[in-house]
PDB file of N, CA and C in Angstrom:
ATOM      1  N   MET A   1     194.539  63.359  -2.492  1.00  0.00           N
ATOM      2  CA  MET A   1     195.265  63.800  -1.306  1.00  0.00           C
ATOM      3  C   MET A   1     194.775  65.192  -0.906  1.00  0.00           C
ATOM      4  N   ASN A   2     194.614  65.410   0.380  1.00  0.00           N
ATOM      5  CA  ASN A   2     194.148  66.691   0.905  1.00  0.00           C
ATOM      6  C   ASN A   2     195.298  67.703   0.876  1.00  0.00           C
ATOM      7  N   ASN A   3     195.101  68.858   0.231  1.00  0.00           N
ATOM      8  CA  ASN A   3     196.152  69.863   0.106  1.00  0.00           C
ATOM      9  C   ASN A   3     196.366  70.651   1.405  1.00  0.00           C
ATOM     10  N   ASN A   4     195.456  70.521   2.366  1.00  0.00           N
ATOM     11  CA  ASN A   4     195.577  71.236   3.632  1.00  0.00           C
ATOM     12  C   ASN A   4     196.526  70.548   4.610  1.00  0.00           C
ATOM     13  N   LEU A   5     196.918  69.323   4.310  1.00  0.00           N
ATOM     14  CA  LEU A   5     197.817  68.604   5.200  1.00  0.00           C
ATOM     15  C   LEU A   5     199.219  69.179   5.103  1.00  0.00           C
ATOM     16  N   MET A   6     199.894  69.233   6.226  1.00  0.00           N
ATOM     17  CA  MET A   6     201.262  69.727   6.261  1.00  0.00           C
ATOM     18  C   MET A   6     202.209  68.613   5.818  1.00  0.00           C
ATOM     19  N   THR A   7     203.042  68.933   4.890  1.00  0.00           N
ATOM     20  CA  THR A   7     204.052  67.978   4.465  1.00  0.00           C
ATOM     21  C   THR A   7     205.325  68.257   5.246  1.00  0.00           C
ATOM     22  N   ILE A   8     206.210  67.324   5.264  1.00  0.00           N
ATOM     23  CA  ILE A   8     207.465  67.498   6.004  1.00  0.00           C
ATOM     24  C   ILE A   8     208.241  68.704   5.483  1.00  0.00           C
ATOM     25  N   PRO A   9     208.399  68.890   4.180  1.00  0.00           N
ATOM     26  CA  PRO A   9     209.117  70.090   3.716  1.00  0.00           C
ATOM     27  C   PRO A   9     208.414  71.389   4.124  1.00  0.00           C
ATOM     28  N   LYS A  10     207.084  71.386   4.096  1.00  0.00           N
ATOM     29  CA  LYS A  10     206.348  72.595   4.502  1.00  0.00           C
ATOM     30  C   LYS A  10     206.529  72.862   5.995  1.00  0.00           C
ATOM     31  N   LEU A  11     206.475  71.825   6.810  1.00  0.00           N
ATOM     32  CA  LEU A  11     206.702  71.988   8.245  1.00  0.00           C
ATOM     33  C   LEU A  11     208.109  72.499   8.525  1.00  0.00           C
ATOM     34  N   ARG A  12     209.098  71.976   7.816  1.00  0.00           N
ATOM     35  CA  ARG A  12     210.475  72.446   7.979  1.00  0.00           C
ATOM     36  C   ARG A  12     210.592  73.913   7.613  1.00  0.00           C
ATOM     37  N   SER A  13     209.935  74.293   6.538  1.00  0.00           N
ATOM     38  CA  SER A  13     209.971  75.676   6.085  1.00  0.00           C
ATOM     39  C   SER A  13     209.376  76.607   7.143  1.00  0.00           C
ATOM     40  N   ILE A  14     208.238  76.221   7.689  1.00  0.00           N
ATOM     41  CA  ILE A  14     207.581  77.026   8.726  1.00  0.00           C
ATOM     42  C   ILE A  14     208.457  77.104   9.973  1.00  0.00           C
ATOM     43  N   THR A  15     209.053  75.980  10.350  1.00  0.00           N
ATOM     44  CA  THR A  15     209.917  75.945  11.529  1.00  0.00           C
ATOM     45  C   THR A  15     211.114  76.870  11.354  1.00  0.00           C
ATOM     46  N   HIS A  16     211.742  76.832  10.187  1.00  0.00           N
ATOM     47  CA  HIS A  16     212.897  77.701   9.925  1.00  0.00           C
ATOM     48  C   HIS A  16     212.477  79.171   9.929  1.00  0.00           C
ATOM     49  N   GLU A  17     211.312  79.458   9.387  1.00  0.00           N
ATOM     50  CA  GLU A  17     210.821  80.837   9.367  1.00  0.00           C
ATOM     51  C   GLU A  17     210.581  81.342  10.788  1.00  0.00           C
ATOM     52  N   LEU A  18     209.949  80.513  11.621  1.00  0.00           N
ATOM     53  CA  LEU A  18     209.704  80.909  13.004  1.00  0.00           C
ATOM     54  C   LEU A  18     211.009  81.097  13.775  1.00  0.00           C
ATOM     55  N   ALA A  19     211.954  80.203  13.559  1.00  0.00           N
ATOM     56  CA  ALA A  19     213.254  80.327  14.231  1.00  0.00           C
ATOM     57  C   ALA A  19     213.945  81.614  13.806  1.00  0.00           C
ATOM     58  N   ALA A  20     213.851  81.965  12.535  1.00  0.00           N
ATOM     59  CA  ALA A  20     214.467  83.202  12.042  1.00  0.00           C
ATOM     60  C   ALA A  20     213.790  84.419  12.659  1.00  0.00           C
ATOM     61  N   ARG A  21     212.466  84.383  12.805  1.00  0.00           N
ATOM     62  CA  ARG A  21     211.742  85.509  13.430  1.00  0.00           C
ATOM     63  C   ARG A  21     212.160  85.689  14.890  1.00  0.00           C
ATOM     64  N   VAL A  22     212.260  84.582  15.612  1.00  0.00           N
ATOM     65  CA  VAL A  22     212.661  84.639  17.022  1.00  0.00           C
ATOM     66  C   VAL A  22     214.073  85.205  17.129  1.00  0.00           C
ATOM     67  N   GLU A  23     214.970  84.705  16.303  1.00  0.00           N
ATOM     68  CA  GLU A  23     216.366  85.158  16.329  1.00  0.00           C
ATOM     69  C   GLU A  23     216.471  86.629  15.936  1.00  0.00           C
ATOM     70  N   ALA A  24     215.652  87.078  14.997  1.00  0.00           N
ATOM     71  CA  ALA A  24     215.676  88.477  14.560  1.00  0.00           C
ATOM     72  C   ALA A  24     215.274  89.420  15.686  1.00  0.00           C
ATOM     73  N   ASN A  25     214.497  88.918  16.650  1.00  0.00           N
ATOM     74  CA  ASN A  25     214.088  89.725  17.797  1.00  0.00           C
ATOM     75  C   ASN A  25     215.080  89.652  18.944  1.00  0.00           C
ATOM     76  N   GLY A  26     216.219  89.004  18.725  1.00  0.00           N
ATOM     77  CA  GLY A  26     217.259  88.935  19.742  1.00  0.00           C
ATOM     78  C   GLY A  26     216.982  87.967  20.868  1.00  0.00           C
ATOM     79  N   ARG A  27     216.183  86.959  20.619  1.00  0.00           N
ATOM     80  CA  ARG A  27     215.865  85.976  21.648  1.00  0.00           C
ATOM     81  C   ARG A  27     216.359  84.605  21.218  1.00  0.00           C
ATOM     82  N   SER A  28     216.542  83.753  22.191  1.00  0.00           N
ATOM     83  CA  SER A  28     216.969  82.391  21.874  1.00  0.00           C
ATOM     84  C   SER A  28     215.788  81.431  21.787  1.00  0.00           C
ATOM     85  N   HIS A  29     214.613  81.880  22.236  1.00  0.00           N
ATOM     86  CA  HIS A  29     213.419  81.044  22.193  1.00  0.00           C
ATOM     87  C   HIS A  29     212.186  81.951  22.152  1.00  0.00           C
ATOM     88  N   PRO A  30     211.066  81.452  21.696  1.00  0.00           N
ATOM     89  CA  PRO A  30     209.862  82.282  21.652  1.00  0.00           C
ATOM     90  C   PRO A  30     209.379  82.620  23.064  1.00  0.00           C
ATOM     91  N   ILE A  31     208.893  83.824  23.219  1.00  0.00           N
ATOM     92  CA  ILE A  31     208.330  84.263  24.501  1.00  0.00           C
ATOM     93  C   ILE A  31     206.848  84.545  24.270  1.00  0.00           C
ATOM     94  N   PRO A  32     205.978  83.821  24.962  1.00  0.00           N
ATOM     95  CA  PRO A  32     204.550  84.020  24.724  1.00  0.00           C
ATOM     96  C   PRO A  32     204.093  85.402  25.185  1.00  0.00           C
ATOM     97  N   LYS A  33     203.115  85.936  24.479  1.00  0.00           N
ATOM     98  CA  LYS A  33     202.549  87.234  24.833  1.00  0.00           C
ATOM     99  C   LYS A  33     201.677  87.051  26.073  1.00  0.00           C
ATOM    100  N   LEU A  34     201.795  87.985  27.027  1.00  0.00           N
ATOM    101  CA  LEU A  34     200.996  87.905  28.241  1.00  0.00           C
ATOM    102  C   LEU A  34     199.551  88.287  27.951  1.00  0.00           C
ATOM    103  N   SER A  35     198.650  87.575  28.578  1.00  0.00           N
ATOM    104  CA  SER A  35     197.232  87.890  28.427  1.00  0.00           C
ATOM    105  C   SER A  35     196.898  89.102  29.296  1.00  0.00           C
ATOM    106  N   ALA A  36     195.758  89.698  29.056  1.00  0.00           N
ATOM    107  CA  ALA A  36     195.317  90.850  29.854  1.00  0.00           C
ATOM    108  C   ALA A  36     195.179  90.440  31.321  1.00  0.00           C
ATOM    109  N   ARG A  37     194.719  89.246  31.546  1.00  0.00           N
ATOM    110  CA  ARG A  37     194.558  88.741  32.919  1.00  0.00           C
ATOM    111  C   ARG A  37     195.911  88.599  33.609  1.00  0.00           C
ATOM    112  N   ALA A  38     196.906  88.088  32.885  1.00  0.00           N
ATOM    113  CA  ALA A  38     198.244  87.938  33.458  1.00  0.00           C
ATOM    114  C   ALA A  38     198.866  89.299  33.752  1.00  0.00           C
ATOM    115  N   ILE A  39     198.674  90.253  32.853  1.00  0.00           N
ATOM    116  CA  ILE A  39     199.198  91.603  33.068  1.00  0.00           C
ATOM    117  C   ILE A  39     198.547  92.226  34.296  1.00  0.00           C
ATOM    118  N   ALA A  40     197.243  92.059  34.439  1.00  0.00           N
ATOM    119  CA  ALA A  40     196.528  92.595  35.604  1.00  0.00           C
ATOM    120  C   ALA A  40     197.044  91.960  36.889  1.00  0.00           C
ATOM    121  N   ARG A  41     197.314  90.664  36.841  1.00  0.00           N
ATOM    122  CA  ARG A  41     197.842  89.963  38.010  1.00  0.00           C
ATOM    123  C   ARG A  41     199.220  90.500  38.384  1.00  0.00           C
ATOM    124  N   LEU A  42     200.089  90.734  37.392  1.00  0.00           N
ATOM    125  CA  LEU A  42     201.417  91.282  37.650  1.00  0.00           C
ATOM    126  C   LEU A  42     201.331  92.695  38.223  1.00  0.00           C
ATOM    127  N   GLU A  43     200.420  93.513  37.687  1.00  0.00           N
ATOM    128  CA  GLU A  43     200.252  94.874  38.197  1.00  0.00           C
ATOM    129  C   GLU A  43     199.736  94.865  39.628  1.00  0.00           C
ATOM    130  N   ALA A  44     198.813  93.960  39.932  1.00  0.00           N
ATOM    131  CA  ALA A  44     198.284  93.857  41.294  1.00  0.00           C
ATOM    132  C   ALA A  44     199.378  93.440  42.268  1.00  0.00           C
ATOM    133  N   GLU A  45     200.221  92.522  41.860  1.00  0.00           N
ATOM    134  CA  GLU A  45     201.320  92.077  42.719  1.00  0.00           C
ATOM    135  C   GLU A  45     202.321  93.213  42.941  1.00  0.00           C
ATOM    136  N   ALA A  46     202.615  93.983  41.900  1.00  0.00           N
ATOM    137  CA  ALA A  46     203.526  95.121  42.045  1.00  0.00           C
ATOM    138  C   ALA A  46     202.938  96.163  42.990  1.00  0.00           C
ATOM    139  N   ALA A  47     201.649  96.410  42.892  1.00  0.00           N
ATOM    140  CA  ALA A  47     200.991  97.361  43.786  1.00  0.00           C
ATOM    141  C   ALA A  47     201.018  96.853  45.228  1.00  0.00           C
ATOM    142  N   ARG A  48     200.829  95.561  45.405  1.00  0.00           N
ATOM    143  CA  ARG A  48     200.872  94.972  46.744  1.00  0.00           C
ATOM    144  C   ARG A  48     202.260  95.130  47.358  1.00  0.00           C
ATOM    145  N   GLN A  49     203.286  94.847  46.555  1.00  0.00           N
ATOM    146  CA  GLN A  49     204.661  94.992  47.038  1.00  0.00           C
ATOM    147  C   GLN A  49     204.977  96.442  47.384  1.00  0.00           C
ATOM    148  N   ALA A  50     204.490  97.380  46.577  1.00  0.00           N
ATOM    149  CA  ALA A  50     204.710  98.807  46.850  1.00  0.00           C
ATOM    150  C   ALA A  50     204.018  99.216  48.145  1.00  0.00           C
ATOM    151  N   ALA A  51     202.817  98.705  48.383  1.00  0.00           N
ATOM    152  CA  ALA A  51     202.087  99.014  49.613  1.00  0.00           C
ATOM    153  C   ALA A  51     202.811  98.457  50.832  1.00  0.00           C
ATOM    154  N   ILE A  52     203.351  97.261  50.715  1.00  0.00           N
ATOM    155  CA  ILE A  52     204.099  96.661  51.821  1.00  0.00           C
ATOM    156  C   ILE A  52     205.340  97.492  52.117  1.00  0.00           C
ATOM    157  N   ALA A  53     206.063  97.907  51.080  1.00  0.00           N
ATOM    158  CA  ALA A  53     207.267  98.730  51.265  1.00  0.00           C
ATOM    159  C   ALA A  53     206.920 100.059  51.924  1.00  0.00           C
ATOM    160  N   GLU A  54     205.831 100.677  51.505  1.00  0.00           N
ATOM    161  CA  GLU A  54     205.407 101.949  52.100  1.00  0.00           C
ATOM    162  C   GLU A  54     205.024 101.757  53.566  1.00  0.00           C
ATOM    163  N   GLN A  55     204.348 100.683  53.872  1.00  0.00           N
ATOM    164  CA  GLN A  55     203.945 100.401  55.248  1.00  0.00           C
ATOM    165  C   GLN A  55     205.181 100.201  56.125  1.00  0.00           C
ATOM    166  N   GLN A  56     206.181  99.492  55.615  1.00  0.00           N
ATOM    167  CA  GLN A  56     207.405  99.281  56.372  1.00  0.00           C
ATOM    168  C   GLN A  56     208.157 100.595  56.581  1.00  0.00           C
ATOM    169  N   ARG A  57     208.156 101.462  55.564  1.00  0.00           N
ATOM    170  CA  ARG A  57     208.813 102.756  55.679  1.00  0.00           C
ATOM    171  C   ARG A  57     208.133 103.610  56.748  1.00  0.00           C
ATOM    172  N   GLU A  58     206.808 103.613  56.741  1.00  0.00           N
ATOM    173  CA  GLU A  58     206.060 104.377  57.744  1.00  0.00           C
ATOM    174  C   GLU A  58     206.299 103.828  59.145  1.00  0.00           C
ATOM    175  N   GLU A  59     206.316 102.515  59.284  1.00  0.00           N
ATOM    176  CA  GLU A  59     206.550 101.898  60.587  1.00  0.00           C
ATOM    177  C   GLU A  59     207.938 102.249  61.109  1.00  0.00           C
ATOM    178  N   SER A  60     208.916 102.231  60.236  1.00  0.00           N
ATOM    179  CA  SER A  60     210.280 102.596  60.620  1.00  0.00           C
ATOM    180  C   SER A  60     210.336 104.052  61.079  1.00  0.00           C
ATOM    181  N   GLY A  61     209.653 104.929  60.368  1.00  0.00           N
ATOM    182  CA  GLY A  61     209.604 106.335  60.747  1.00  0.00           C
ATOM    183  C   GLY A  61     208.956 106.533  62.109  1.00  0.00           C
ATOM    184  N   MET A  62     207.877 105.806  62.366  1.00  0.00           N
ATOM    185  CA  MET A  62     207.201 105.906  63.661  1.00  0.00           C
ATOM    186  C   MET A  62     208.103 105.407  64.789  1.00  0.00           C
ATOM    187  N   GLN A  63     208.849 104.345  64.538  1.00  0.00           N
ATOM    188  CA  GLN A  63     209.772 103.830  65.551  1.00  0.00           C
ATOM    189  C   GLN A  63     210.877 104.841  65.842  1.00  0.00           C
ATOM    190  N   GLN A  64     211.378 105.520  64.802  1.00  0.00           N
ATOM    191  CA  GLN A  64     212.406 106.544  65.002  1.00  0.00           C
ATOM    192  C   GLN A  64     211.856 107.710  65.811  1.00  0.00           C
ATOM    193  N   LEU A  65     210.623 108.131  65.507  1.00  0.00           N
ATOM    194  CA  LEU A  65     210.003 109.212  66.271  1.00  0.00           C
ATOM    195  C   LEU A  65     209.813 108.824  67.736  1.00  0.00           C
ATOM    196  N   ALA A  66     209.374 107.599  67.969  1.00  0.00           N
ATOM    197  CA  ALA A  66     209.175 107.127  69.337  1.00  0.00           C
ATOM    198  C   ALA A  66     210.502 107.101  70.095  1.00  0.00           C
ATOM    199  N   ALA A  67     211.567 106.677  69.424  1.00  0.00           N
ATOM    200  CA  ALA A  67     212.883 106.638  70.065  1.00  0.00           C
ATOM    201  C   ALA A  67     213.359 108.045  70.404  1.00  0.00           C
ATOM    202  N   LYS A  68     213.154 108.999  69.491  1.00  0.00           N
ATOM    203  CA  LYS A  68     213.548 110.383  69.756  1.00  0.00           C
ATOM    204  C   LYS A  68     212.738 110.974  70.901  1.00  0.00           C
ATOM    205  N   ALA A  69     211.443 110.693  70.938  1.00  0.00           N
ATOM    206  CA  ALA A  69     210.584 111.196  72.010  1.00  0.00           C
ATOM    207  C   ALA A  69     211.028 110.626  73.355  1.00  0.00           C
ATOM    208  N   ALA A  70     211.383 109.345  73.380  1.00  0.00           N
ATOM    209  CA  ALA A  70     211.849 108.708  74.616  1.00  0.00           C
ATOM    210  C   ALA A  70     213.168 109.331  75.064  1.00  0.00           C
ATOM    211  N   ALA A  71     214.058 109.618  74.113  1.00  0.00           N
ATOM    212  CA  ALA A  71     215.343 110.235  74.455  1.00  0.00           C
ATOM    213  C   ALA A  71     215.137 111.636  75.009  1.00  0.00           C
ATOM    214  N   ILE A  72     214.238 112.409  74.423  1.00  0.00           N
ATOM    215  CA  ILE A  72     213.947 113.768  74.899  1.00  0.00           C
ATOM    216  C   ILE A  72     213.339 113.706  76.302  1.00  0.00           C
ATOM    217  N   GLN A  73     212.431 112.768  76.512  1.00  0.00           N
ATOM    218  CA  GLN A  73     211.809 112.630  77.825  1.00  0.00           C
ATOM    219  C   GLN A  73     212.837 112.211  78.852  1.00  0.00           C
ATOM    220  N   GLN A  74     213.773 111.349  78.494  1.00  0.00           N
ATOM    221  CA  GLN A  74     214.824 110.913  79.408  1.00  0.00           C
ATOM    222  C   GLN A  74     215.707 112.085  79.809  1.00  0.00           C
ATOM    223  N   VAL A  75     216.056 112.935  78.843  1.00  0.00           N
ATOM    224  CA  VAL A  75     216.879 114.127  79.117  1.00  0.00           C
ATOM    225  C   VAL A  75     216.110 115.071  80.043  1.00  0.00           C
ATOM    226  N   ALA A  76     214.830 115.231  79.812  1.00  0.00           N
ATOM    227  CA  ALA A  76     214.005 116.124  80.643  1.00  0.00           C
ATOM    228  C   ALA A  76     213.937 115.602  82.069  1.00  0.00           C
ATOM    229  N   VAL A  77     213.810 114.282  82.245  1.00  0.00           N
ATOM    230  CA  VAL A  77     213.724 113.688  83.583  1.00  0.00           C
ATOM    231  C   VAL A  77     215.066 113.857  84.291  1.00  0.00           C
ATOM    232  N   GLU A  78     216.168 113.637  83.576  1.00  0.00           N
ATOM    233  CA  GLU A  78     217.495 113.737  84.182  1.00  0.00           C
ATOM    234  C   GLU A  78     217.834 115.172  84.570  1.00  0.00           C
ATOM    235  N   SER A  79     217.369 116.147  83.799  1.00  0.00           N
ATOM    236  CA  SER A  79     217.709 117.542  84.074  1.00  0.00           C
ATOM    237  C   SER A  79     216.827 118.165  85.151  1.00  0.00           C
ATOM    238  N   SER A  80     215.742 117.521  85.520  1.00  0.00           N
ATOM    239  CA  SER A  80     214.881 118.122  86.535  1.00  0.00           C
ATOM    240  C   SER A  80     215.209 117.627  87.923  1.00  0.00           C
TER     241      SER A  80
END
C-alpha cells in the first residue's frame, strides 16, 4: 500500500485542523489570499473612482462659479 495516499482518518484530521485555523482567525470560512494582479486591479479601480469623484467636484465648482458670475452680471445690468 502506498503511504502517500490520504486515509479517511488523516483527511478528517486535516479538515478539523483547517477548520480550527479558520475559526481562530475569527472567520466562518476560508478567505483566499489576493494575488498581486488582483490587488493591482483593485487599486486601479479605486484610483479610477477617486478621479471620477474629483472630476465631479471640479465640475460642480465650475457650475457654482458660473452661476455666481451670471448673478453678478444680472445685478450689474439691472443697476445700470
